């Protein structure tokens, strides 16, 4: 079972972020997926983690599904991830933590 270390984001938060950035409301599922991708990429770029973070779908222990800005992956053989296998030091995720308004370090979540 592969796990990602990162911060959770909801679809609604990402859609609102995209609207705040000036993108029009999505009209189709394809539009919605594109908006999620654009908003998450913008957040990662502004936090300075774009080159070593990925956006992945995860499942919490309570069975809920979220988007996750992943900073690490516990499986070094997951193809194409190129993520660290250990949680990063705070200096590497501090800007992301502040941008998301979180007051805790990134956590591990099961990949789906």
PDB file of N, CA and C in Angstrom:
ATOM      1  N   UNK A   1       0.847  -1.171   0.000  1.00  0.00           N
ATOM      2  CA  UNK A   1       0.000   0.000   0.000  1.00  0.00           C
ATOM      3  C   UNK A   1       0.899   1.244   0.000  1.00  0.00           C
ATOM      4  N   UNK A   2       0.749   2.056  -1.012  1.00  0.00           N
ATOM      5  CA  UNK A   2       1.547   3.270  -1.169  1.00  0.00           C
ATOM      6  C   UNK A   2       0.916   4.397  -0.369  1.00  0.00           C
ATOM      7  N   UNK A   3       1.750   5.188   0.285  1.00  0.00           N
ATOM      8  CA  UNK A   3       1.282   6.355   1.032  1.00  0.00           C
ATOM      9  C   UNK A   3       2.034   7.601   0.579  1.00  0.00           C
ATOM     10  N   UNK A   4       1.316   8.719   0.658  1.00  0.00           N
ATOM     11  CA  UNK A   4       1.900  10.023   0.334  1.00  0.00           C
ATOM     12  C   UNK A   4       1.893  10.894   1.575  1.00  0.00           C
ATOM     13  N   UNK A   5       2.933  11.692   1.722  1.00  0.00           N
ATOM     14  CA  UNK A   5       3.037  12.648   2.814  1.00  0.00           C
ATOM     15  C   UNK A   5       2.750  14.030   2.251  1.00  0.00           C
ATOM     16  N   UNK A   6       1.721  14.680   2.771  1.00  0.00           N
ATOM     17  CA  UNK A   6       1.403  15.995   2.256  1.00  0.00           C
ATOM     18  C   UNK A   6       0.219  16.626   2.953  1.00  0.00           C
ATOM     19  N   UNK A   7      -0.342  17.622   2.290  1.00  0.00           N
ATOM     20  CA  UNK A   7      -1.495  18.350   2.810  1.00  0.00           C
ATOM     21  C   UNK A   7      -2.723  18.074   1.950  1.00  0.00           C
ATOM     22  N   UNK A   8      -3.863  17.908   2.609  1.00  0.00           N
ATOM     23  CA  UNK A   8      -5.120  17.630   1.919  1.00  0.00           C
ATOM     24  C   UNK A   8      -5.763  18.905   1.391  1.00  0.00           C
ATOM     25  N   UNK A   9      -6.406  18.771   0.234  1.00  0.00           N
ATOM     26  CA  UNK A   9      -7.169  19.856  -0.371  1.00  0.00           C
ATOM     27  C   UNK A   9      -8.494  19.295  -0.858  1.00  0.00           C
ATOM     28  N   UNK A  10      -9.552  20.044  -0.668  1.00  0.00           N
ATOM     29  CA  UNK A  10     -10.855  19.608  -1.167  1.00  0.00           C
ATOM     30  C   UNK A  10     -11.078  20.144  -2.575  1.00  0.00           C
ATOM     31  N   UNK A  11     -11.985  19.503  -3.294  1.00  0.00           N
ATOM     32  CA  UNK A  11     -12.352  19.988  -4.623  1.00  0.00           C
ATOM     33  C   UNK A  11     -12.877  21.412  -4.542  1.00  0.00           C
ATOM     34  N   UNK A  12     -13.713  21.674  -3.541  1.00  0.00           N
ATOM     35  CA  UNK A  12     -14.317  23.009  -3.435  1.00  0.00           C
ATOM     36  C   UNK A  12     -13.264  24.069  -3.142  1.00  0.00           C
ATOM     37  N   UNK A  13     -12.265  23.759  -2.322  1.00  0.00           N
ATOM     38  CA  UNK A  13     -11.202  24.732  -2.051  1.00  0.00           C
ATOM     39  C   UNK A  13     -10.424  25.030  -3.329  1.00  0.00           C
ATOM     40  N   UNK A  14     -10.109  23.987  -4.092  1.00  0.00           N
ATOM     41  CA  UNK A  14      -9.365  24.186  -5.333  1.00  0.00           C
ATOM     42  C   UNK A  14     -10.184  24.962  -6.364  1.00  0.00           C
ATOM     43  N   UNK A  15     -11.467  24.661  -6.472  1.00  0.00           N
ATOM     44  CA  UNK A  15     -12.325  25.413  -7.408  1.00  0.00           C
ATOM     45  C   UNK A  15     -12.419  26.883  -7.006  1.00  0.00           C
ATOM     46  N   UNK A  16     -12.554  27.141  -5.705  1.00  0.00           N
ATOM     47  CA  UNK A  16     -12.615  28.528  -5.238  1.00  0.00           C
ATOM     48  C   UNK A  16     -11.299  29.245  -5.495  1.00  0.00           C
ATOM     49  N   UNK A  17     -10.209  28.550  -5.292  1.00  0.00           N
ATOM     50  CA  UNK A  17      -8.882  29.135  -5.549  1.00  0.00           C
ATOM     51  C   UNK A  17      -8.770  29.525  -7.017  1.00  0.00           C
ATOM     52  N   UNK A  18      -9.253  28.659  -7.903  1.00  0.00           N
ATOM     53  CA  UNK A  18      -9.218  28.944  -9.342  1.00  0.00           C
ATOM     54  C   UNK A  18     -10.087  30.157  -9.676  1.00  0.00           C
ATOM     55  N   UNK A  19     -11.263  30.249  -9.071  1.00  0.00           N
ATOM     56  CA  UNK A  19     -12.126  31.414  -9.291  1.00  0.00           C
ATOM     57  C   UNK A  19     -11.440  32.689  -8.803  1.00  0.00           C
ATOM     58  N   UNK A  20     -10.787  32.603  -7.639  1.00  0.00           N
ATOM     59  CA  UNK A  20     -10.051  33.750  -7.103  1.00  0.00           C
ATOM     60  C   UNK A  20      -8.911  34.179  -8.026  1.00  0.00           C
ATOM     61  N   UNK A  21      -8.378  33.210  -8.782  1.00  0.00           N
ATOM     62  CA  UNK A  21      -7.292  33.496  -9.730  1.00  0.00           C
ATOM     63  C   UNK A  21      -7.833  34.072 -11.040  1.00  0.00           C
ATOM     64  N   UNK A  22      -9.152  34.093 -11.198  1.00  0.00           N
ATOM     65  CA  UNK A  22      -9.747  34.671 -12.393  1.00  0.00           C
ATOM     66  C   UNK A  22     -10.219  33.683 -13.439  1.00  0.00           C
ATOM     67  N   UNK A  23     -10.165  32.395 -13.131  1.00  0.00           N
ATOM     68  CA  UNK A  23     -10.663  31.403 -14.079  1.00  0.00           C
ATOM     69  C   UNK A  23     -12.186  31.351 -14.012  1.00  0.00           C
ATOM     70  N   UNK A  24     -12.850  31.097 -15.142  1.00  0.00           N
ATOM     71  CA  UNK A  24     -14.313  31.019 -15.124  1.00  0.00           C
ATOM     72  C   UNK A  24     -14.772  29.735 -14.437  1.00  0.00           C
ATOM     73  N   UNK A  25     -16.011  29.722 -13.932  1.00  0.00           N
ATOM     74  CA  UNK A  25     -16.526  28.500 -13.301  1.00  0.00           C
ATOM     75  C   UNK A  25     -16.545  27.344 -14.306  1.00  0.00           C
ATOM     76  N   UNK A  26     -16.219  26.142 -13.865  1.00  0.00           N
ATOM     77  CA  UNK A  26     -16.214  24.997 -14.781  1.00  0.00           C
ATOM     78  C   UNK A  26     -17.631  24.651 -15.229  1.00  0.00           C
ATOM     79  N   UNK A  27     -17.746  24.257 -16.510  1.00  0.00           N
ATOM     80  CA  UNK A  27     -19.045  23.867 -17.062  1.00  0.00           C
ATOM     81  C   UNK A  27     -19.141  22.367 -17.308  1.00  0.00           C
ATOM     82  N   UNK A  28     -17.992  21.722 -17.426  1.00  0.00           N
ATOM     83  CA  UNK A  28     -17.958  20.277 -17.683  1.00  0.00           C
ATOM     84  C   UNK A  28     -17.018  19.616 -16.686  1.00  0.00           C
ATOM     85  N   UNK A  29     -17.046  18.291 -16.629  1.00  0.00           N
ATOM     86  CA  UNK A  29     -16.124  17.547 -15.776  1.00  0.00           C
ATOM     87  C   UNK A  29     -14.687  17.813 -16.204  1.00  0.00           C
ATOM     88  N   UNK A  30     -14.466  17.887 -17.508  1.00  0.00           N
ATOM     89  CA  UNK A  30     -13.122  18.182 -18.018  1.00  0.00           C
ATOM     90  C   UNK A  30     -12.655  19.562 -17.552  1.00  0.00           C
ATOM     91  N   UNK A  31     -13.556  20.547 -17.600  1.00  0.00           N
ATOM     92  CA  UNK A  31     -13.224  21.885 -17.102  1.00  0.00           C
ATOM     93  C   UNK A  31     -12.864  21.830 -15.617  1.00  0.00           C
ATOM     94  N   UNK A  32     -13.657  21.083 -14.858  1.00  0.00           N
ATOM     95  CA  UNK A  32     -13.434  20.979 -13.413  1.00  0.00           C
ATOM     96  C   UNK A  32     -12.070  20.356 -13.120  1.00  0.00           C
ATOM     97  N   UNK A  33     -11.726  19.307 -13.837  1.00  0.00           N
ATOM     98  CA  UNK A  33     -10.420  18.670 -13.650  1.00  0.00           C
ATOM     99  C   UNK A  33      -9.284  19.621 -14.014  1.00  0.00           C
ATOM    100  N   UNK A  34      -9.479  20.382 -15.079  1.00  0.00           N
ATOM    101  CA  UNK A  34      -8.466  21.350 -15.491  1.00  0.00           C
ATOM    102  C   UNK A  34      -8.274  22.442 -14.459  1.00  0.00           C
ATOM    103  N   UNK A  35      -9.374  22.892 -13.871  1.00  0.00           N
ATOM    104  CA  UNK A  35      -9.329  23.930 -12.836  1.00  0.00           C
ATOM    105  C   UNK A  35      -8.570  23.414 -11.613  1.00  0.00           C
ATOM    106  N   UNK A  36      -8.849  22.183 -11.208  1.00  0.00           N
ATOM    107  CA  UNK A  36      -8.155  21.580 -10.069  1.00  0.00           C
ATOM    108  C   UNK A  36      -6.656  21.540 -10.337  1.00  0.00           C
ATOM    109  N   UNK A  37      -6.288  21.128 -11.534  1.00  0.00           N
ATOM    110  CA  UNK A  37      -4.874  21.044 -11.892  1.00  0.00           C
ATOM    111  C   UNK A  37      -4.216  22.426 -11.883  1.00  0.00           C
ATOM    112  N   UNK A  38      -4.864  23.401 -12.501  1.00  0.00           N
ATOM    113  CA  UNK A  38      -4.292  24.757 -12.560  1.00  0.00           C
ATOM    114  C   UNK A  38      -4.141  25.370 -11.169  1.00  0.00           C
ATOM    115  N   UNK A  39      -5.160  25.235 -10.346  1.00  0.00           N
ATOM    116  CA  UNK A  39      -5.107  25.820  -9.006  1.00  0.00           C
ATOM    117  C   UNK A  39      -4.017  25.165  -8.163  1.00  0.00           C
ATOM    118  N   UNK A  40      -3.914  23.842  -8.224  1.00  0.00           N
ATOM    119  CA  UNK A  40      -2.891  23.160  -7.421  1.00  0.00           C
ATOM    120  C   UNK A  40      -1.490  23.497  -7.912  1.00  0.00           C
ATOM    121  N   UNK A  41      -1.316  23.608  -9.215  1.00  0.00           N
ATOM    122  CA  UNK A  41       0.000  23.978  -9.754  1.00  0.00           C
ATOM    123  C   UNK A  41       0.386  25.392  -9.315  1.00  0.00           C
ATOM    124  N   UNK A  42      -0.586  26.296  -9.288  1.00  0.00           N
ATOM    125  CA  UNK A  42      -0.321  27.664  -8.878  1.00  0.00           C
ATOM    126  C   UNK A  42       0.094  27.713  -7.408  1.00  0.00           C
ATOM    127  N   UNK A  43      -0.596  26.959  -6.566  1.00  0.00           N
ATOM    128  CA  UNK A  43      -0.260  26.914  -5.142  1.00  0.00           C
ATOM    129  C   UNK A  43       1.162  26.371  -4.959  1.00  0.00           C
ATOM    130  N   UNK A  44       1.486  25.294  -5.659  1.00  0.00           N
ATOM    131  CA  UNK A  44       2.819  24.699  -5.533  1.00  0.00           C
ATOM    132  C   UNK A  44       3.897  25.646  -6.045  1.00  0.00           C
ATOM    133  N   UNK A  45       3.631  26.328  -7.159  1.00  0.00           N
ATOM    134  CA  UNK A  45       4.613  27.262  -7.716  1.00  0.00           C
ATOM    135  C   UNK A  45       4.876  28.420  -6.758  1.00  0.00           C
ATOM    136  N   UNK A  46       3.813  28.985  -6.217  1.00  0.00           N
ATOM    137  CA  UNK A  46       3.980  30.114  -5.286  1.00  0.00           C
ATOM    138  C   UNK A  46       4.681  29.703  -3.997  1.00  0.00           C
ATOM    139  N   UNK A  47       4.520  28.460  -3.593  1.00  0.00           N
ATOM    140  CA  UNK A  47       5.176  27.973  -2.380  1.00  0.00           C
ATOM    141  C   UNK A  47       6.599  27.499  -2.655  1.00  0.00           C
ATOM    142  N   UNK A  48       7.014  27.515  -3.925  1.00  0.00           N
ATOM    143  CA  UNK A  48       8.375  27.116  -4.277  1.00  0.00           C
ATOM    144  C   UNK A  48       8.635  25.624  -4.218  1.00  0.00           C
ATOM    145  N   UNK A  49       7.585  24.821  -4.362  1.00  0.00           N
ATOM    146  CA  UNK A  49       7.759  23.365  -4.259  1.00  0.00           C
ATOM    147  C   UNK A  49       7.368  22.646  -5.552  1.00  0.00           C
ATOM    148  N   UNK A  50       7.091  23.400  -6.592  1.00  0.00           N
ATOM    149  CA  UNK A  50       6.598  22.825  -7.844  1.00  0.00           C
ATOM    150  C   UNK A  50       7.507  21.732  -8.394  1.00  0.00           C
ATOM    151  N   UNK A  51       8.805  21.888  -8.257  1.00  0.00           N
ATOM    152  CA  UNK A  51       9.738  20.931  -8.858  1.00  0.00           C
ATOM    153  C   UNK A  51       9.807  19.601  -8.121  1.00  0.00           C
ATOM    154  N   UNK A  52       9.390  19.557  -6.863  1.00  0.00           N
ATOM    155  CA  UNK A  52       9.509  18.293  -6.130  1.00  0.00           C
ATOM    156  C   UNK A  52       8.235  17.854  -5.414  1.00  0.00           C
ATOM    157  N   UNK A  53       7.102  18.415  -5.783  1.00  0.00           N
ATOM    158  CA  UNK A  53       5.823  17.993  -5.204  1.00  0.00           C
ATOM    159  C   UNK A  53       4.909  17.504  -6.318  1.00  0.00           C
ATOM    160  N   UNK A  54       3.936  16.705  -5.957  1.00  0.00           N
ATOM    161  CA  UNK A  54       2.958  16.185  -6.913  1.00  0.00           C
ATOM    162  C   UNK A  54       1.571  16.295  -6.299  1.00  0.00           C
ATOM    163  N   UNK A  55       0.553  16.354  -7.134  1.00  0.00           N
ATOM    164  CA  UNK A  55      -0.821  16.341  -6.652  1.00  0.00           C
ATOM    165  C   UNK A  55      -1.376  14.944  -6.901  1.00  0.00           C
ATOM    166  N   UNK A  56      -1.857  14.320  -5.844  1.00  0.00           N
ATOM    167  CA  UNK A  56      -2.357  12.957  -5.929  1.00  0.00           C
ATOM    168  C   UNK A  56      -3.668  12.822  -5.169  1.00  0.00           C
ATOM    169  N   UNK A  57      -4.454  11.812  -5.532  1.00  0.00           N
ATOM    170  CA  UNK A  57      -5.683  11.503  -4.800  1.00  0.00           C
ATOM    171  C   UNK A  57      -5.314  10.542  -3.679  1.00  0.00           C
ATOM    172  N   UNK A  58      -5.880  10.798  -2.502  1.00  0.00           N
ATOM    173  CA  UNK A  58      -5.609   9.960  -1.342  1.00  0.00           C
ATOM    174  C   UNK A  58      -6.905   9.680  -0.593  1.00  0.00           C
ATOM    175  N   UNK A  59      -6.811   8.728   0.312  1.00  0.00           N
ATOM    176  CA  UNK A  59      -7.947   8.343   1.148  1.00  0.00           C
ATOM    177  C   UNK A  59      -7.516   8.464   2.606  1.00  0.00           C
ATOM    178  N   UNK A  60      -8.348   9.114   3.410  1.00  0.00           N
ATOM    179  CA  UNK A  60      -8.033   9.267   4.828  1.00  0.00           C
ATOM    180  C   UNK A  60      -8.415   7.994   5.584  1.00  0.00           C
ATOM    181  N   UNK A  61      -7.954   7.860   6.830  1.00  0.00           N
ATOM    182  CA  UNK A  61      -8.348   6.689   7.629  1.00  0.00           C
ATOM    183  C   UNK A  61      -9.863   6.584   7.823  1.00  0.00           C
ATOM    184  N   UNK A  62     -10.572   7.706   7.713  1.00  0.00           N
ATOM    185  CA  UNK A  62     -12.028   7.684   7.856  1.00  0.00           C
ATOM    186  C   UNK A  62     -12.739   7.357   6.540  1.00  0.00           C
ATOM    187  N   UNK A  63     -11.962   7.094   5.477  1.00  0.00           N
ATOM    188  CA  UNK A  63     -12.546   6.691   4.204  1.00  0.00           C
ATOM    189  C   UNK A  63     -12.939   7.820   3.272  1.00  0.00           C
ATOM    190  N   UNK A  64     -12.531   9.035   3.568  1.00  0.00           N
ATOM    191  CA  UNK A  64     -12.857  10.176   2.702  1.00  0.00           C
ATOM    192  C   UNK A  64     -11.731  10.393   1.698  1.00  0.00           C
ATOM    193  N   UNK A  65     -12.115  10.873   0.508  1.00  0.00           N
ATOM    194  CA  UNK A  65     -11.159  11.097  -0.572  1.00  0.00           C
ATOM    195  C   UNK A  65     -10.862  12.592  -0.714  1.00  0.00           C
ATOM    196  N   UNK A  66      -9.594  12.888  -0.934  1.00  0.00           N
ATOM    197  CA  UNK A  66      -9.136  14.265  -1.080  1.00  0.00           C
ATOM    198  C   UNK A  66      -8.028  14.329  -2.122  1.00  0.00           C
ATOM    199  N   UNK A  67      -7.754  15.534  -2.566  1.00  0.00           N
ATOM    200  CA  UNK A  67      -6.525  15.808  -3.295  1.00  0.00           C
ATOM    201  C   UNK A  67      -5.449  16.021  -2.241  1.00  0.00           C
ATOM    202  N   UNK A  68      -4.218  15.703  -2.583  1.00  0.00           N
ATOM    203  CA  UNK A  68      -3.101  15.865  -1.652  1.00  0.00           C
ATOM    204  C   UNK A  68      -1.929  16.469  -2.409  1.00  0.00           C
ATOM    205  N   UNK A  69      -1.386  17.557  -1.877  1.00  0.00           N
ATOM    206  CA  UNK A  69      -0.112  18.044  -2.409  1.00  0.00           C
ATOM    207  C   UNK A  69       0.945  17.210  -1.705  1.00  0.00           C
ATOM    208  N   UNK A  70       1.475  16.244  -2.443  1.00  0.00           N
ATOM    209  CA  UNK A  70       2.395  15.252  -1.881  1.00  0.00           C
ATOM    210  C   UNK A  70       3.838  15.733  -1.967  1.00  0.00           C
ATOM    211  N   UNK A  71       4.515  15.641  -0.836  1.00  0.00           N
ATOM    212  CA  UNK A  71       5.923  16.026  -0.740  1.00  0.00           C
ATOM    213  C   UNK A  71       6.834  14.816  -0.634  1.00  0.00           C
ATOM    214  N   UNK A  72       6.245  13.656  -0.331  1.00  0.00           N
ATOM    215  CA  UNK A  72       7.014  12.416  -0.201  1.00  0.00           C
ATOM    216  C   UNK A  72       6.100  11.232  -0.494  1.00  0.00           C
ATOM    217  N   UNK A  73       6.727  10.106  -0.842  1.00  0.00           N
ATOM    218  CA  UNK A  73       6.017   8.865  -1.125  1.00  0.00           C
ATOM    219  C   UNK A  73       6.815   7.741  -0.478  1.00  0.00           C
ATOM    220  N   UNK A  74       6.138   6.860   0.247  1.00  0.00           N
ATOM    221  CA  UNK A  74       6.864   5.809   0.972  1.00  0.00           C
ATOM    222  C   UNK A  74       7.342   4.671   0.076  1.00  0.00           C
ATOM    223  N   UNK A  75       6.996   4.698  -1.193  1.00  0.00           N
ATOM    224  CA  UNK A  75       7.397   3.644  -2.127  1.00  0.00           C
ATOM    225  C   UNK A  75       8.393   4.202  -3.145  1.00  0.00           C
ATOM    226  N   UNK A  76       9.681   3.892  -2.991  1.00  0.00           N
ATOM    227  CA  UNK A  76      10.675   4.450  -3.907  1.00  0.00           C
ATOM    228  C   UNK A  76      10.545   3.901  -5.332  1.00  0.00           C
ATOM    229  N   UNK A  77       9.756   2.850  -5.515  1.00  0.00           N
ATOM    230  CA  UNK A  77       9.631   2.236  -6.830  1.00  0.00           C
ATOM    231  C   UNK A  77       8.369   2.641  -7.579  1.00  0.00           C
ATOM    232  N   UNK A  78       7.575   3.551  -6.987  1.00  0.00           N
ATOM    233  CA  UNK A  78       6.391   4.036  -7.682  1.00  0.00           C
ATOM    234  C   UNK A  78       6.861   4.811  -8.906  1.00  0.00           C
ATOM    235  N   UNK A  79       6.525   4.310 -10.063  1.00  0.00           N
ATOM    236  CA  UNK A  79       7.032   4.855 -11.323  1.00  0.00           C
ATOM    237  C   UNK A  79       6.647   6.315 -11.503  1.00  0.00           C
ATOM    238  N   UNK A  80       7.640   7.125 -11.834  1.00  0.00           N
ATOM    239  CA  UNK A  80       7.394   8.511 -12.191  1.00  0.00           C
ATOM    240  C   UNK A  80       7.195   9.462 -11.032  1.00  0.00           C
ATOM    241  N   UNK A  81       7.182   8.990  -9.810  1.00  0.00           N
ATOM    242  CA  UNK A  81       6.912   9.888  -8.691  1.00  0.00           C
ATOM    243  C   UNK A  81       8.081  10.835  -8.421  1.00  0.00           C
ATOM    244  N   UNK A  82       9.261  10.298  -8.386  1.00  0.00           N
ATOM    245  CA  UNK A  82      10.457  11.095  -8.095  1.00  0.00           C
ATOM    246  C   UNK A  82      10.286  11.942  -6.844  1.00  0.00           C
ATOM    247  N   UNK A  83       9.659  11.360  -5.855  1.00  0.00           N
ATOM    248  CA  UNK A  83       9.463  12.021  -4.571  1.00  0.00           C
ATOM    249  C   UNK A  83      10.390  11.395  -3.544  1.00  0.00           C
ATOM    250  N   UNK A  84      10.740  12.166  -2.551  1.00  0.00           N
ATOM    251  CA  UNK A  84      11.527  11.640  -1.443  1.00  0.00           C
ATOM    252  C   UNK A  84      10.726  10.542  -0.756  1.00  0.00           C
ATOM    253  N   UNK A  85      11.419   9.627  -0.096  1.00  0.00           N
ATOM    254  CA  UNK A  85      10.731   8.579   0.650  1.00  0.00           C
ATOM    255  C   UNK A  85      10.560   8.965   2.117  1.00  0.00           C
ATOM    256  N   UNK A  86      11.044  10.138   2.488  1.00  0.00           N
ATOM    257  CA  UNK A  86      10.920  10.619   3.865  1.00  0.00           C
ATOM    258  C   UNK A  86      10.213  11.966   3.877  1.00  0.00           C
ATOM    259  N   UNK A  87       9.516  12.239   4.956  1.00  0.00           N
ATOM    260  CA  UNK A  87       8.875  13.545   5.112  1.00  0.00           C
ATOM    261  C   UNK A  87       9.962  14.622   5.084  1.00  0.00           C
ATOM    262  N   UNK A  88       9.701  15.728   4.414  1.00  0.00           N
ATOM    263  CA  UNK A  88      10.714  16.772   4.296  1.00  0.00           C
ATOM    264  C   UNK A  88      10.871  17.578   5.588  1.00  0.00           C
ATOM    265  N   UNK A  89      12.026  18.237   5.732  1.00  0.00           N
ATOM    266  CA  UNK A  89      12.189  19.134   6.879  1.00  0.00           C
ATOM    267  C   UNK A  89      11.282  20.359   6.707  1.00  0.00           C
ATOM    268  N   UNK A  90      10.952  21.019   7.802  1.00  0.00           N
ATOM    269  CA  UNK A  90      10.003  22.137   7.767  1.00  0.00           C
ATOM    270  C   UNK A  90      10.421  23.250   6.817  1.00  0.00           C
ATOM    271  N   UNK A  91      11.684  23.492   6.681  1.00  0.00           N
ATOM    272  CA  UNK A  91      12.131  24.572   5.798  1.00  0.00           C
ATOM    273  C   UNK A  91      11.640  24.357   4.362  1.00  0.00           C
ATOM    274  N   UNK A  92      11.435  23.100   3.967  1.00  0.00           N
ATOM    275  CA  UNK A  92      10.997  22.796   2.605  1.00  0.00           C
ATOM    276  C   UNK A  92       9.489  22.912   2.406  1.00  0.00           C
ATOM    277  N   UNK A  93       8.707  22.856   3.462  1.00  0.00           N
ATOM    278  CA  UNK A  93       7.254  22.933   3.291  1.00  0.00           C
ATOM    279  C   UNK A  93       6.617  24.119   4.018  1.00  0.00           C
ATOM    280  N   UNK A  94       7.421  24.937   4.672  1.00  0.00           N
ATOM    281  CA  UNK A  94       6.881  26.040   5.470  1.00  0.00           C
ATOM    282  C   UNK A  94       6.024  26.999   4.636  1.00  0.00           C
ATOM    283  N   UNK A  95       6.473  27.374   3.441  1.00  0.00           N
ATOM    284  CA  UNK A  95       5.706  28.300   2.594  1.00  0.00           C
ATOM    285  C   UNK A  95       4.375  27.679   2.182  1.00  0.00           C
ATOM    286  N   UNK A  96       4.361  26.385   1.884  1.00  0.00           N
ATOM    287  CA  UNK A  96       3.111  25.701   1.533  1.00  0.00           C
ATOM    288  C   UNK A  96       2.178  25.668   2.735  1.00  0.00           C
ATOM    289  N   UNK A  97       2.712  25.332   3.881  1.00  0.00           N
ATOM    290  CA  UNK A  97       1.918  25.280   5.108  1.00  0.00           C
ATOM    291  C   UNK A  97       1.249  26.632   5.356  1.00  0.00           C
ATOM    292  N   UNK A  98       1.983  27.698   5.192  1.00  0.00           N
ATOM    293  CA  UNK A  98       1.433  29.039   5.402  1.00  0.00           C
ATOM    294  C   UNK A  98       0.399  29.391   4.332  1.00  0.00           C
ATOM    295  N   UNK A  99       0.671  29.041   3.080  1.00  0.00           N
ATOM    296  CA  UNK A  99      -0.260  29.347   1.985  1.00  0.00           C
ATOM    297  C   UNK A  99      -1.596  28.635   2.174  1.00  0.00           C
ATOM    298  N   UNK A 100      -1.560  27.454   2.761  1.00  0.00           N
ATOM    299  CA  UNK A 100      -2.779  26.670   2.972  1.00  0.00           C
ATOM    300  C   UNK A 100      -3.436  26.963   4.322  1.00  0.00           C
ATOM    301  N   UNK A 101      -2.766  27.744   5.160  1.00  0.00           N
ATOM    302  CA  UNK A 101      -3.317  28.069   6.473  1.00  0.00           C
ATOM    303  C   UNK A 101      -3.299  26.892   7.434  1.00  0.00           C
ATOM    304  N   UNK A 102      -2.337  26.020   7.291  1.00  0.00           N
ATOM    305  CA  UNK A 102      -2.229  24.843   8.165  1.00  0.00           C
ATOM    306  C   UNK A 102      -1.315  25.166   9.342  1.00  0.00           C
ATOM    307  N   UNK A 103      -1.553  24.506  10.460  1.00  0.00           N
ATOM    308  CA  UNK A 103      -0.699  24.725  11.632  1.00  0.00           C
ATOM    309  C   UNK A 103      -0.069  23.413  12.124  1.00  0.00           C
ATOM    310  N   UNK A 104       0.132  22.492  11.189  1.00  0.00           N
ATOM    311  CA  UNK A 104       0.707  21.196  11.523  1.00  0.00           C
ATOM    312  C   UNK A 104       1.570  20.734  10.344  1.00  0.00           C
ATOM    313  N   UNK A 105       2.487  19.809  10.595  1.00  0.00           N
ATOM    314  CA  UNK A 105       3.328  19.304   9.506  1.00  0.00           C
ATOM    315  C   UNK A 105       2.521  18.420   8.552  1.00  0.00           C
ATOM    316  N   UNK A 106       3.050  18.147   7.359  1.00  0.00           N
ATOM    317  CA  UNK A 106       2.344  17.249   6.444  1.00  0.00           C
ATOM    318  C   UNK A 106       2.166  15.868   7.070  1.00  0.00           C
ATOM    319  N   UNK A 107       1.080  15.197   6.646  1.00  0.00           N
ATOM    320  CA  UNK A 107       0.769  13.881   7.197  1.00  0.00           C
ATOM    321  C   UNK A 107       0.752  12.840   6.090  1.00  0.00           C
ATOM    322  N   UNK A 108       0.795  11.570   6.501  1.00  0.00           N
ATOM    323  CA  UNK A 108       0.793  10.459   5.550  1.00  0.00           C
ATOM    324  C   UNK A 108      -0.625   9.985   5.289  1.00  0.00           C
ATOM    325  N   UNK A 109      -0.920   9.769   3.991  1.00  0.00           N
ATOM    326  CA  UNK A 109      -2.257   9.307   3.573  1.00  0.00           C
ATOM    327  C   UNK A 109      -2.107   8.207   2.522  1.00  0.00           C
ATOM    328  N   UNK A 110      -3.054   7.295   2.517  1.00  0.00           N
ATOM    329  CA  UNK A 110      -3.043   6.170   1.582  1.00  0.00           C
ATOM    330  C   UNK A 110      -3.402   6.630   0.169  1.00  0.00           C
ATOM    331  N   UNK A 111      -2.605   6.185  -0.799  1.00  0.00           N
ATOM    332  CA  UNK A 111      -2.885   6.489  -2.205  1.00  0.00           C
ATOM    333  C   UNK A 111      -4.093   5.697  -2.680  1.00  0.00           C
ATOM    334  N   UNK A 112      -4.807   6.251  -3.646  1.00  0.00           N
ATOM    335  CA  UNK A 112      -5.906   5.493  -4.240  1.00  0.00           C
ATOM    336  C   UNK A 112      -5.638   5.272  -5.713  1.00  0.00           C
TER     337      UNK A 112
END
